[in-house]
Amino acid sequence: MGYLRRVQIERVQAHAEKVMLDLDLSRYYQERDESVNIPLKDGDFVKIFSIDARVYSSVSLEGFVKRPGSYELRPGMRLSDLLTPEELLPEAHLEQVEIVRFRADLTREILSVSLANLLQGDKTQDVELRRLDRIIVRSEFSEPGTVTLKGEVKRPGKFAIARGERLTSVLKRAGGFTEKAYLPGAIFTRESARKVEKEQLEEFMRAQERRLLAEASAVVVSGLEREEAAVQQQTLSQRRELLRALASKVTLGRVVIKLDQLERLERSPTNILLEEGDTLTIPQQPSSVLVLGSVRNSTSILHKEKEGIEYYLSRAGGLSREADQKEIHIVKADGSAVSNFTMLRTVEPGDTIIVPPMAEVKVRLLPIARDIITIIGQTALTIAALAVIF
């Protein structure tokens, strides 16, 4: 649609310059004013602009209503003129209807109205509408949350959950555990915990990177023999590579739970309330124990019944000279950690034995990083386990 109040003509004048004429052609069509209906000349370029496409004398209705869209704003129009009971969908939330309005300075304000009170005759809720108001009706209905069950359950997959539903309820709907399920190795992750731990891991990585860079600088300025300095630089480079690789294997958001058969689990504290995004993975029983840290050969060792921690340490070549024997601990398959001497004598499949170095050790030689990465490829490490290695 053309805007007749501004019709523009570009004209070449006297073969020397261009001039521009703005004409209000609406005067010709409305008043027959011939003065604006000027004759055109050869070479004239006429521009007719479009009207403003926006409708200013309107309000819009959005959300859970039968006929959303733009409506004419009539003088004195109020909310009750537009939002009648017949216009609402059954799931509409009546306690809070929002009106988004532009102020004179073009900032927005949000008016909250109780439609339930308005429908009961409360005239204070019957707001007079202004041009370009947006009336938004939200819903009382919320999408069900979903959790994911993986591994050794009879019917793995995504499950919708009701508010207040507990773990055993979903496990029953999944048919329970299979015969191959290894309950001590269950991995339960929670999205809200993952976000917090992601920040912690990033901070840990930054701190360790700064530490390694400081050690590398110390090697450069320490005046060591060239060959010894080169070895230490290579070691620090390996540690940096290993740090990044180990961090990529950390299971973020893991919450330690101790699963049991459903009838016992139902009465235990582990029968937790579920949240949107929770994931439970039930593995098959592993066959090995992982030994990491200050040993001569970090590796996985086949589990042997009734053997304590000494057996696995000896199979890993024994402790290195830098090992801190007082700080040896086990990260259990369920993600918990134990350091009590009595508990250390009980080693189960899927456990990880962590041998940290003594605090005063500054530089230590490690196996090639890729070898350790291969070993831990199927291990769910925690941030705590990662911290003691470094």
Protein backbone atom coordinates (compact mmCIF):
# COMPACT_ATOMS: atom_id res chain seq x y z
CA MET A 1 0.00 0.00 0.00
CA GLY A 2 1.48 3.33 -1.09
CA TYR A 3 1.98 6.26 1.32
CA LEU A 4 0.61 9.23 -0.65
CA ARG A 5 1.57 11.94 1.83
CA ARG A 6 5.15 11.61 0.70
CA VAL A 7 5.75 10.96 -2.99
CA GLN A 8 9.30 11.79 -3.96
CA ILE A 9 10.65 12.82 -7.36
CA GLU A 10 14.34 12.89 -8.26
CA ARG A 11 14.88 15.22 -11.24
CA VAL A 12 17.87 16.30 -13.30
CA GLN A 13 17.87 20.09 -13.51
CA ALA A 14 19.51 22.04 -16.35
CA HIS A 15 21.76 19.06 -17.18
CA ALA A 16 23.88 20.10 -14.21
CA GLU A 17 22.53 18.73 -10.93
CA LYS A 18 19.89 16.58 -9.32
CA VAL A 19 17.07 18.02 -7.24
CA MET A 20 14.48 16.29 -5.07
CA LEU A 21 10.81 17.12 -4.72
CA ASP A 22 8.53 15.82 -1.92
CA LEU A 23 4.81 15.98 -2.74
CA ASP A 24 1.68 15.27 -0.67
CA LEU A 25 -0.48 13.53 -3.28
CA SER A 26 -3.20 12.83 -0.72
CA ARG A 27 -4.27 16.49 -1.17
CA TYR A 28 -4.99 15.79 -4.81
CA TYR A 29 -7.07 12.67 -4.16
CA GLN A 30 -8.91 14.12 -1.16
CA GLU A 31 -9.23 17.81 -2.10
CA ARG A 32 -8.47 17.82 -5.84
CA ASP A 33 -5.56 20.20 -5.23
CA GLU A 34 -3.99 20.43 -8.72
CA SER A 35 -0.90 22.23 -7.38
CA VAL A 36 0.58 18.93 -6.21
CA ASN A 37 -0.23 17.06 -9.44
CA ILE A 38 2.75 18.45 -11.27
CA PRO A 39 3.68 17.31 -14.82
CA LEU A 40 6.55 14.84 -15.08
CA LYS A 41 9.66 15.44 -17.15
CA ASP A 42 11.88 13.12 -19.11
CA GLY A 43 14.28 11.29 -16.76
CA ASP A 44 12.24 11.83 -13.59
CA PHE A 45 12.57 9.07 -10.97
CA VAL A 46 9.41 8.71 -8.87
CA LYS A 47 9.47 6.98 -5.47
CA ILE A 48 6.27 5.93 -3.70
CA PHE A 49 6.95 4.71 -0.18
CA SER A 50 4.92 2.04 1.61
CA ILE A 51 2.80 2.80 4.65
CA ASP A 52 3.88 1.71 8.15
CA ALA A 53 2.92 -1.97 8.26
CA ARG A 54 2.44 -1.99 12.01
CA VAL A 55 -1.12 -1.76 13.41
CA TYR A 56 -1.02 0.63 16.36
CA SER A 57 -4.70 0.63 17.33
CA SER A 58 -4.65 -3.02 18.37
CA VAL A 59 -3.93 -5.42 21.20
CA SER A 60 -2.82 -9.05 20.96
CA LEU A 61 -4.05 -12.13 22.77
CA GLU A 62 -1.63 -15.04 23.26
CA GLY A 63 -1.38 -18.37 24.99
CA PHE A 64 -4.06 -20.81 26.08
CA VAL A 65 -7.09 -19.21 24.43
CA LYS A 66 -9.31 -20.46 21.63
CA ARG A 67 -8.67 -17.59 19.23
CA PRO A 68 -5.25 -15.99 19.73
CA GLY A 69 -4.18 -13.08 17.55
CA SER A 70 -4.56 -9.32 17.12
CA TYR A 71 -7.78 -7.48 18.05
CA GLU A 72 -9.06 -3.95 17.45
CA LEU A 73 -8.54 -1.62 20.39
CA ARG A 74 -11.83 0.22 20.91
CA PRO A 75 -12.15 3.33 23.11
CA GLY A 76 -12.52 2.39 26.78
CA MET A 77 -11.85 -1.30 26.07
CA ARG A 78 -11.08 -3.39 29.15
CA LEU A 79 -9.67 -6.86 29.77
CA SER A 80 -13.12 -8.36 30.36
CA ASP A 81 -14.22 -7.19 26.88
CA LEU A 82 -11.55 -9.35 25.28
CA LEU A 83 -10.97 -12.24 27.67
CA THR A 84 -14.34 -13.86 28.31
CA PRO A 85 -14.85 -17.31 29.93
CA GLU A 86 -15.87 -18.70 26.52
CA GLU A 87 -12.49 -17.65 25.10
CA LEU A 88 -10.40 -19.65 27.58
CA LEU A 89 -9.07 -23.17 27.06
CA PRO A 90 -9.68 -25.66 29.91
CA GLU A 91 -6.01 -25.71 31.00
CA ALA A 92 -5.69 -21.90 31.20
CA HIS A 93 -4.11 -20.62 34.44
CA LEU A 94 -6.66 -18.17 35.85
CA GLU A 95 -4.68 -16.96 38.84
CA GLN A 96 -2.15 -14.99 36.82
CA VAL A 97 -2.66 -13.37 33.42
CA GLU A 98 0.15 -11.11 32.22
CA ILE A 99 -0.25 -7.86 30.30
CA VAL A 100 2.98 -6.70 28.64
CA ARG A 101 2.81 -2.95 28.07
CA PHE A 102 5.09 -0.28 26.61
CA ARG A 103 5.71 2.77 28.78
CA ALA A 104 6.11 6.25 27.32
CA ASP A 105 9.92 5.83 27.40
CA LEU A 106 9.52 2.55 25.39
CA THR A 107 10.54 0.35 28.33
CA ARG A 108 8.26 -2.56 29.17
CA GLU A 109 6.19 -3.16 32.27
CA ILE A 110 4.40 -6.37 33.23
CA LEU A 111 0.94 -6.18 34.81
CA SER A 112 -0.21 -9.29 36.65
CA VAL A 113 -3.97 -9.82 36.82
CA SER A 114 -6.01 -12.47 38.63
CA LEU A 115 -8.53 -13.55 36.04
CA ALA A 116 -10.19 -15.81 38.61
CA ASN A 117 -10.98 -12.76 40.78
CA LEU A 118 -12.11 -10.79 37.75
CA LEU A 119 -14.56 -13.50 36.75
CA GLN A 120 -15.93 -13.40 40.29
CA GLY A 121 -16.69 -9.68 39.95
CA ASP A 122 -13.52 -7.98 41.22
CA LYS A 123 -13.49 -4.83 39.07
CA THR A 124 -10.03 -3.82 40.31
CA GLN A 125 -8.65 -6.58 38.08
CA ASP A 126 -10.45 -5.27 34.97
CA VAL A 127 -7.52 -3.34 33.50
CA GLU A 128 -8.19 -0.77 30.79
CA LEU A 129 -6.23 -1.77 27.72
CA ARG A 130 -3.82 0.41 25.78
CA ARG A 131 -2.55 0.16 22.25
CA LEU A 132 -0.02 -2.61 21.57
CA ASP A 133 -0.76 -4.39 24.87
CA ARG A 134 0.04 -8.13 24.82
CA ILE A 135 -2.28 -10.26 26.95
CA ILE A 136 -0.66 -13.62 27.77
CA VAL A 137 -2.62 -16.52 29.27
CA ARG A 138 -0.41 -19.31 30.55
CA SER A 139 -1.27 -22.90 31.39
CA GLU A 140 -1.66 -24.81 34.63
CA PHE A 141 -0.51 -27.89 32.76
CA SER A 142 3.22 -28.68 32.88
CA GLU A 143 5.01 -31.19 30.71
CA PRO A 144 5.98 -34.34 32.59
CA GLY A 145 9.64 -34.69 33.45
CA THR A 146 11.60 -37.59 32.01
CA VAL A 147 14.31 -39.84 33.41
CA THR A 148 16.46 -42.36 31.57
CA LEU A 149 17.24 -45.95 32.54
CA LYS A 150 20.13 -47.65 30.78
CA GLY A 151 21.89 -50.97 30.91
CA GLU A 152 20.71 -53.99 32.83
CA VAL A 153 17.03 -53.23 33.35
CA LYS A 154 14.40 -55.26 31.53
CA ARG A 155 12.90 -52.33 29.65
CA PRO A 156 15.52 -49.55 29.33
CA GLY A 157 14.62 -46.17 27.86
CA LYS A 158 13.09 -42.79 28.75
CA PHE A 159 10.26 -42.70 31.29
CA ALA A 160 7.87 -39.87 32.10
CA ILE A 161 7.64 -39.11 35.80
CA ALA A 162 4.96 -37.54 37.94
CA ARG A 163 5.78 -34.92 40.55
CA GLY A 164 6.98 -36.66 43.72
CA GLU A 165 7.70 -39.99 42.02
CA ARG A 166 10.50 -42.09 43.48
CA LEU A 167 13.20 -44.29 41.98
CA THR A 168 11.58 -47.65 42.75
CA SER A 169 8.36 -46.59 41.01
CA VAL A 170 10.17 -46.10 37.69
CA LEU A 171 12.27 -49.25 38.16
CA LYS A 172 9.08 -51.27 38.60
CA ARG A 173 7.67 -49.81 35.40
CA ALA A 174 10.92 -50.82 33.69
CA GLY A 175 10.38 -54.41 34.84
CA GLY A 176 13.16 -54.39 37.44
CA PHE A 177 16.77 -55.52 37.02
CA THR A 178 18.06 -58.24 34.73
CA GLU A 179 19.99 -61.24 36.03
CA LYS A 180 23.26 -59.67 34.83
CA ALA A 181 22.77 -56.39 36.73
CA TYR A 182 25.69 -55.35 38.94
CA LEU A 183 23.96 -53.09 41.48
CA PRO A 184 27.13 -51.90 43.32
CA GLY A 185 28.34 -50.37 40.06
CA ALA A 186 25.19 -48.34 39.34
CA ILE A 187 25.88 -44.85 37.99
CA PHE A 188 23.22 -42.27 38.85
CA THR A 189 23.65 -38.79 37.39
CA ARG A 190 21.60 -35.67 38.04
CA GLU A 191 21.46 -32.64 35.77
CA SER A 192 21.38 -30.06 38.58
CA ALA A 193 24.49 -31.64 40.14
CA ARG A 194 26.20 -31.82 36.74
CA LYS A 195 26.03 -28.04 36.30
CA VAL A 196 27.64 -27.41 39.71
CA GLU A 197 30.36 -30.02 39.15
CA LYS A 198 31.11 -28.67 35.68
CA GLU A 199 32.05 -25.34 37.26
CA GLN A 200 34.17 -27.12 39.87
CA LEU A 201 35.97 -29.19 37.24
CA GLU A 202 36.73 -26.12 35.15
CA GLU A 203 38.19 -24.37 38.21
CA PHE A 204 40.23 -27.48 39.07
CA MET A 205 41.57 -27.63 35.51
CA ARG A 206 42.58 -23.96 35.59
CA ALA A 207 44.38 -24.41 38.93
CA GLN A 208 46.28 -27.51 37.74
CA GLU A 209 47.25 -25.86 34.44
CA ARG A 210 48.67 -22.90 36.39
CA ARG A 211 50.56 -25.30 38.63
CA LEU A 212 52.08 -27.20 35.72
CA LEU A 213 53.06 -23.99 33.93
CA ALA A 214 54.76 -22.77 37.12
CA GLU A 215 56.69 -26.05 37.41
CA ALA A 216 57.73 -25.82 33.75
CA SER A 217 59.02 -22.28 34.31
CA ALA A 218 60.94 -23.44 37.39
CA VAL A 219 62.69 -26.12 35.31
CA VAL A 220 63.76 -23.53 32.75
CA VAL A 221 65.35 -21.20 35.29
CA SER A 222 66.75 -23.85 37.67
CA GLY A 223 70.03 -24.38 35.81
CA LEU A 224 69.64 -28.15 35.49
CA GLU A 225 71.76 -30.08 33.05
CA ARG A 226 70.30 -29.95 29.55
CA GLU A 227 69.44 -33.67 29.44
CA GLU A 228 67.79 -33.68 32.88
CA ALA A 229 65.84 -30.50 32.08
CA ALA A 230 64.60 -32.04 28.82
CA VAL A 231 63.37 -35.13 30.70
CA GLN A 232 61.50 -33.02 33.24
CA GLN A 233 59.95 -30.87 30.52
CA GLN A 234 58.78 -34.03 28.75
CA THR A 235 57.33 -35.32 32.02
CA LEU A 236 55.42 -32.08 32.60
CA SER A 237 54.11 -32.23 29.04
CA GLN A 238 52.87 -35.77 29.67
CA ARG A 239 51.20 -34.69 32.88
CA ARG A 240 49.43 -31.87 31.05
CA GLU A 241 48.19 -34.28 28.37
CA LEU A 242 47.10 -36.77 31.01
CA LEU A 243 45.26 -34.09 32.98
CA ARG A 244 43.13 -33.14 29.99
CA ALA A 245 42.45 -36.77 29.10
CA LEU A 246 41.47 -37.71 32.65
CA ALA A 247 39.18 -34.68 32.93
CA SER A 248 37.34 -35.80 29.80
CA LYS A 249 36.59 -39.11 31.54
CA VAL A 250 35.07 -37.60 34.69
CA THR A 251 31.40 -38.48 35.16
CA LEU A 252 29.85 -35.11 35.99
CA GLY A 253 26.71 -34.97 38.08
CA ARG A 254 27.20 -38.41 39.62
CA VAL A 255 25.27 -38.97 42.84
CA VAL A 256 26.38 -41.92 44.97
CA ILE A 257 23.51 -44.36 45.52
CA LYS A 258 23.53 -47.88 46.93
CA LEU A 259 21.04 -49.98 45.01
CA ASP A 260 19.43 -53.14 46.31
CA GLN A 261 16.65 -55.47 45.22
CA LEU A 262 13.41 -53.54 44.75
CA GLU A 263 11.59 -54.79 47.85
CA ARG A 264 14.48 -53.62 50.09
CA LEU A 265 15.28 -50.54 48.04
CA GLU A 266 11.71 -49.29 48.46
CA ARG A 267 12.25 -48.87 52.23
CA SER A 268 15.78 -47.43 52.00
CA PRO A 269 17.04 -43.82 51.84
CA THR A 270 18.27 -44.57 48.30
CA ASN A 271 14.67 -44.54 47.09
CA ILE A 272 15.10 -40.88 46.20
CA LEU A 273 12.70 -38.42 44.61
CA LEU A 274 13.42 -38.13 40.89
CA GLU A 275 14.10 -34.96 38.95
CA GLU A 276 13.91 -34.03 35.28
CA GLY A 277 17.01 -35.27 33.45
CA ASP A 278 18.06 -37.96 35.96
CA THR A 279 19.87 -40.95 34.42
CA LEU A 280 20.48 -44.37 35.97
CA THR A 281 22.90 -46.79 34.30
CA ILE A 282 23.11 -50.37 35.55
CA PRO A 283 26.25 -52.15 34.24
CA GLN A 284 27.07 -55.80 34.02
CA GLN A 285 29.50 -57.08 36.64
CA PRO A 286 33.07 -55.99 35.80
CA SER A 287 35.92 -58.44 36.10
CA SER A 288 38.80 -56.18 37.07
CA VAL A 289 40.17 -53.68 39.58
CA LEU A 290 41.97 -50.53 38.43
CA VAL A 291 45.14 -49.33 40.17
CA LEU A 292 46.09 -45.67 39.51
CA GLY A 293 48.67 -43.22 40.78
CA SER A 294 52.11 -43.69 42.33
CA VAL A 295 52.69 -47.34 41.45
CA ARG A 296 55.22 -48.74 39.03
CA ASN A 297 52.60 -49.78 36.49
CA SER A 298 49.11 -48.23 36.57
CA THR A 299 46.89 -50.95 35.15
CA SER A 300 43.70 -53.01 35.44
CA ILE A 301 44.01 -56.33 37.28
CA LEU A 302 41.57 -59.23 37.21
CA HIS A 303 39.53 -59.37 40.40
CA LYS A 304 40.28 -62.25 42.74
CA GLU A 305 37.94 -63.19 45.56
CA LYS A 306 39.10 -62.62 49.16
CA GLU A 307 42.23 -60.75 48.09
CA GLY A 308 42.94 -57.42 49.77
CA ILE A 309 44.55 -54.24 48.51
CA GLU A 310 48.11 -55.58 48.91
CA TYR A 311 47.44 -58.18 46.24
CA TYR A 312 46.50 -55.58 43.63
CA LEU A 313 49.31 -53.19 44.56
CA SER A 314 51.84 -55.98 44.14
CA ARG A 315 50.37 -56.91 40.75
CA ALA A 316 50.85 -53.25 39.72
CA GLY A 317 54.57 -53.52 40.49
CA GLY A 318 54.34 -52.16 44.03
CA LEU A 319 54.46 -48.58 45.27
CA SER A 320 56.85 -46.08 43.75
CA ARG A 321 59.23 -44.11 45.98
CA GLU A 322 56.98 -41.05 45.91
CA ALA A 323 53.81 -42.90 47.01
CA ASP A 324 52.00 -41.58 50.08
CA GLN A 325 50.99 -44.83 51.80
CA LYS A 326 48.86 -43.08 54.43
CA GLU A 327 46.59 -41.58 51.76
CA ILE A 328 45.84 -44.74 49.76
CA HIS A 329 42.09 -45.13 49.27
CA ILE A 330 39.57 -46.96 47.11
CA VAL A 331 36.95 -45.37 44.87
CA LYS A 332 34.17 -47.94 44.94
CA ALA A 333 32.21 -48.91 41.86
CA ASP A 334 29.23 -46.87 43.14
CA GLY A 335 31.38 -43.70 43.26
CA SER A 336 31.96 -43.56 47.03
CA ALA A 337 35.45 -43.60 48.54
CA VAL A 338 36.85 -45.51 51.53
CA SER A 339 40.16 -45.11 53.34
CA ASN A 340 39.55 -47.07 56.55
CA PHE A 341 42.16 -49.83 56.95
CA THR A 342 39.53 -52.52 57.53
CA MET A 343 37.53 -51.43 54.49
CA LEU A 344 40.66 -51.38 52.35
CA ARG A 345 40.96 -55.12 52.84
CA THR A 346 37.69 -55.59 50.92
CA VAL A 347 38.21 -55.02 47.21
CA GLU A 348 35.26 -55.60 44.85
CA PRO A 349 35.01 -55.81 41.06
CA GLY A 350 34.93 -52.36 39.48
CA ASP A 351 36.81 -50.67 42.34
CA THR A 352 39.64 -48.21 41.66
CA ILE A 353 42.66 -48.12 44.01
CA ILE A 354 44.14 -44.62 44.17
CA VAL A 355 47.74 -44.16 45.33
CA PRO A 356 48.46 -40.42 45.61
CA PRO A 357 51.97 -38.96 45.64
CA MET A 358 53.52 -37.29 48.66
CA ALA A 359 52.71 -33.58 48.79
CA GLU A 360 56.36 -32.50 48.64
CA VAL A 361 57.02 -34.29 45.35
CA LYS A 362 57.29 -31.67 42.64
CA VAL A 363 58.01 -33.67 39.52
CA ARG A 364 57.41 -37.36 38.96
CA LEU A 365 57.74 -39.59 35.96
CA LEU A 366 54.49 -41.14 34.70
CA PRO A 367 53.75 -43.88 32.21
CA ILE A 368 52.90 -42.60 28.76
CA ALA A 369 49.60 -40.74 28.98
CA ARG A 370 47.89 -42.68 26.21
CA ASP A 371 48.47 -45.95 28.09
CA ILE A 372 46.72 -44.66 31.19
CA ILE A 373 43.93 -43.17 29.08
CA THR A 374 43.35 -46.61 27.56
CA ILE A 375 43.21 -48.15 31.04
CA ILE A 376 40.63 -45.71 32.38
CA GLY A 377 38.56 -45.55 29.22
CA GLN A 378 35.71 -47.46 30.87
CA THR A 379 36.12 -46.09 34.39
CA ALA A 380 33.79 -43.47 35.86
CA LEU A 381 36.21 -41.20 37.71
CA THR A 382 35.18 -38.50 40.15
CA ILE A 383 36.69 -35.05 40.58
CA ALA A 384 38.09 -36.16 43.96
CA ALA A 385 39.92 -39.11 42.37
CA LEU A 386 41.30 -36.82 39.68
CA ALA A 387 42.54 -34.37 42.31
CA VAL A 388 44.62 -36.90 44.25
CA ILE A 389 46.34 -38.13 41.09
CA PHE A 390 47.58 -34.61 40.51
